[in-house]
C-alpha atoms as a PDB file:
ATOM      1  CA  LEU A   1     -11.539  17.035  10.829  1.00  0.00           C
ATOM      2  CA  LEU A   2      -8.136  16.852  12.647  1.00  0.00           C
ATOM      3  CA  LYS A   3      -6.940  14.299  10.669  1.00  0.00           C
ATOM      4  CA  GLN A   4      -7.640  15.941   6.952  1.00  0.00           C
ATOM      5  CA  LEU A   5      -6.170  19.277   8.837  1.00  0.00           C
ATOM      6  CA  HIS A   6      -2.896  17.910   9.897  1.00  0.00           C
ATOM      7  CA  ARG A   7      -2.480  16.430   6.843  1.00  0.00           C
ATOM      8  CA  MET A   8      -3.600  19.754   4.944  1.00  0.00           C
ATOM      9  CA  ILE A   9      -1.306  21.702   6.305  1.00  0.00           C
ATOM     10  CA  ASN A  10       1.777  19.202   5.942  1.00  0.00           C
ATOM     11  CA  ASP A  11       0.538  19.100   2.238  1.00  0.00           C
ATOM     12  CA  ALA A  12       3.290  20.860   0.003  1.00  0.00           C
ATOM     13  CA  LYS A  13       0.089  21.823  -2.474  1.00  0.00           C
ATOM     14  CA  SER A  14      -1.732  23.412   0.168  1.00  0.00           C
ATOM     15  CA  ALA A  15       1.488  25.483   1.495  1.00  0.00           C
ATOM     16  CA  HIS A  16       0.728  28.619  -0.127  1.00  0.00           C
ATOM     17  CA  PHE A  17      -2.215  28.847   1.348  1.00  0.00           C
ATOM     18  CA  ILE A  18      -2.220  27.072   4.691  1.00  0.00           C
ATOM     19  CA  SER A  19       1.188  26.022   6.774  1.00  0.00           C
ATOM     20  CA  TRP A  20       2.635  25.809  10.352  1.00  0.00           C
ATOM     21  CA  THR A  21       4.091  28.826  11.984  1.00  0.00           C
ATOM     22  CA  GLU A  22       7.691  28.916  12.539  1.00  0.00           C
ATOM     23  CA  HIS A  23       7.576  27.169  16.036  1.00  0.00           C
ATOM     24  CA  GLY A  24       4.659  24.643  14.921  1.00  0.00           C
ATOM     25  CA  THR A  25       2.445  25.889  17.633  1.00  0.00           C
ATOM     26  CA  SER A  26      -0.040  27.250  15.698  1.00  0.00           C
ATOM     27  CA  PHE A  27      -1.243  27.272  11.649  1.00  0.00           C
ATOM     28  CA  VAL A  28      -1.979  30.078   9.711  1.00  0.00           C
ATOM     29  CA  VAL A  29      -4.079  30.694   6.578  1.00  0.00           C
ATOM     30  CA  SER A  30      -3.265  32.883   4.010  1.00  0.00           C
ATOM     31  CA  ASN A  31      -5.293  34.473   1.326  1.00  0.00           C
ATOM     32  CA  VAL A  32      -8.784  33.094   2.879  1.00  0.00           C
ATOM     33  CA  GLY A  33     -11.066  33.407  -0.190  1.00  0.00           C
ATOM     34  CA  GLU A  34      -8.408  31.357  -2.640  1.00  0.00           C
ATOM     35  CA  PHE A  35      -7.838  28.613   0.587  1.00  0.00           C
ATOM     36  CA  SER A  36     -11.364  28.188   0.409  1.00  0.00           C
ATOM     37  CA  ARG A  37     -12.134  28.241  -3.435  1.00  0.00           C
ATOM     38  CA  SER A  38      -8.275  26.115  -3.993  1.00  0.00           C
ATOM     39  CA  ILE A  39      -7.713  23.960  -1.270  1.00  0.00           C
ATOM     40  CA  LEU A  40     -10.811  23.415   1.312  1.00  0.00           C
ATOM     41  CA  GLY A  41     -13.085  21.718  -1.181  1.00  0.00           C
ATOM     42  CA  SER A  42     -10.684  19.011  -2.070  1.00  0.00           C
ATOM     43  CA  HIS A  43      -9.791  17.976   1.992  1.00  0.00           C
ATOM     44  CA  PHE A  44     -13.464  18.439   3.659  1.00  0.00           C
ATOM     45  CA  LYS A  45     -16.792  18.670   1.711  1.00  0.00           C
ATOM     46  CA  HIS A  46     -17.127  21.960   1.539  1.00  0.00           C
ATOM     47  CA  ASN A  47     -15.226  25.300   0.848  1.00  0.00           C
ATOM     48  CA  ASN A  48     -17.353  27.276   3.247  1.00  0.00           C
ATOM     49  CA  PHE A  49     -14.536  29.133   5.256  1.00  0.00           C
ATOM     50  CA  SER A  50     -16.805  29.877   8.238  1.00  0.00           C
ATOM     51  CA  SER A  51     -17.743  26.681   8.592  1.00  0.00           C
ATOM     52  CA  PHE A  52     -14.403  25.807   8.595  1.00  0.00           C
ATOM     53  CA  VAL A  53     -13.729  28.061  11.783  1.00  0.00           C
ATOM     54  CA  ARG A  54     -17.164  27.089  13.200  1.00  0.00           C
ATOM     55  CA  GLN A  55     -15.730  23.107  13.015  1.00  0.00           C
ATOM     56  CA  LEU A  56     -12.233  24.647  14.660  1.00  0.00           C
ATOM     57  CA  ASN A  57     -13.853  26.402  17.555  1.00  0.00           C
ATOM     58  CA  MET A  58     -15.948  23.266  18.234  1.00  0.00           C
ATOM     59  CA  TYR A  59     -12.577  21.383  18.724  1.00  0.00           C
ATOM     60  CA  GLY A  60     -10.971  24.089  20.861  1.00  0.00           C
ATOM     61  CA  PHE A  61      -9.377  26.212  18.384  1.00  0.00           C
ATOM     62  CA  HIS A  62      -8.251  29.895  19.186  1.00  0.00           C
ATOM     63  CA  LYS A  63      -7.666  32.566  16.800  1.00  0.00           C
ATOM     64  CA  ILE A  64      -4.681  34.241  17.333  1.00  0.00           C
ATOM     65  CA  ASN A  65      -4.441  38.201  16.583  1.00  0.00           C
ATOM     66  CA  ARG A  66      -0.890  39.464  16.315  1.00  0.00           C
ATOM     67  CA  THR A  67      -1.676  42.644  15.674  1.00  0.00           C
ATOM     68  CA  PRO A  68      -2.869  44.873  18.901  1.00  0.00           C
ATOM     69  CA  ARG A  69      -6.182  45.671  19.023  1.00  0.00           C
ATOM     70  CA  ALA A  70      -5.923  49.033  19.259  1.00  0.00           C
ATOM     71  CA  GLN A  71      -3.929  48.783  15.800  1.00  0.00           C
ATOM     72  CA  ARG A  72      -6.488  46.905  14.256  1.00  0.00           C
ATOM     73  CA  THR A  73      -8.608  48.755  11.645  1.00  0.00           C
ATOM     74  CA  SER A  74     -11.592  46.751   9.076  1.00  0.00           C
ATOM     75  CA  SER A  75      -9.568  48.389   5.943  1.00  0.00           C
ATOM     76  CA  ASP A  76      -6.472  46.282   6.914  1.00  0.00           C
ATOM     77  CA  ALA A  77      -6.291  43.866   4.448  1.00  0.00           C
ATOM     78  CA  GLN A  78      -3.528  41.831   5.608  1.00  0.00           C
ATOM     79  CA  ALA A  79      -5.103  41.151   9.300  1.00  0.00           C
ATOM     80  CA  SER A  80      -8.675  39.730   7.561  1.00  0.00           C
ATOM     81  CA  ALA A  81      -6.682  37.849   4.528  1.00  0.00           C
ATOM     82  CA  THR A  82      -4.714  35.690   7.263  1.00  0.00           C
ATOM     83  CA  TRP A  83      -5.916  33.613  10.150  1.00  0.00           C
ATOM     84  CA  GLU A  84      -3.919  31.984  12.912  1.00  0.00           C
ATOM     85  CA  PHE A  85      -5.647  29.469  14.721  1.00  0.00           C
ATOM     86  CA  SER A  86      -3.963  27.629  17.781  1.00  0.00           C
ATOM     87  CA  HIS A  87      -4.824  24.120  19.920  1.00  0.00           C
ATOM     88  CA  HIS A  88      -2.541  23.484  22.678  1.00  0.00           C
ATOM     89  CA  LYS A  89      -2.648  19.523  21.501  1.00  0.00           C
ATOM     90  CA  PHE A  90      -2.347  19.998  17.475  1.00  0.00           C
ATOM     91  CA  LEU A  91       1.380  20.373  16.979  1.00  0.00           C
ATOM     92  CA  ARG A  92       3.575  20.197  13.865  1.00  0.00           C
ATOM     93  CA  GLY A  93       5.560  16.621  13.897  1.00  0.00           C
ATOM     94  CA  ARG A  94       2.537  15.334  16.803  1.00  0.00           C
ATOM     95  CA  PRO A  95       0.214  13.200  15.193  1.00  0.00           C
ATOM     96  CA  ASP A  96      -0.140  11.296  18.006  1.00  0.00           C
ATOM     97  CA  LEU A  97      -1.756  13.915  20.216  1.00  0.00           C
ATOM     98  CA  LEU A  98      -4.622  14.216  17.960  1.00  0.00           C
ATOM     99  CA  ASP A  99      -6.971  11.460  19.475  1.00  0.00           C
ATOM    100  CA  GLU A 100      -6.681  13.515  22.596  1.00  0.00           C
ATOM    101  CA  ILE A 101      -8.480  16.695  20.867  1.00  0.00           C
ATOM    102  CA  LYS A 102     -12.446  16.343  21.513  1.00  0.00           C
ATOM    103  CA  ARG A 103     -15.286  17.992  20.263  1.00  0.00           C
ATOM    104  CA  LYS A 104     -16.805  20.364  22.695  1.00  0.00           C
END
């Protein structure tokens, strides 16, 4: 999962849907529906975003919410369509750390 994920984020063909954040300490998935249909299935054995998130959670990734809780609404399409994830050892330019990330 981790090496595939790292490759996918660095793949220019995926950049419209998944990319590193500015500092390379987390990554963002934009347009979850299209990401699932267009990108996920070509890198993993499924195109189910919920399964993808569960797998990330099993490896210790955390979802980052940039919008303060008080300002979030269920109708906020941007928030629901864009997800950001981080893991302290999953960093841009550091594939050498991937072997240190263990499944829970």
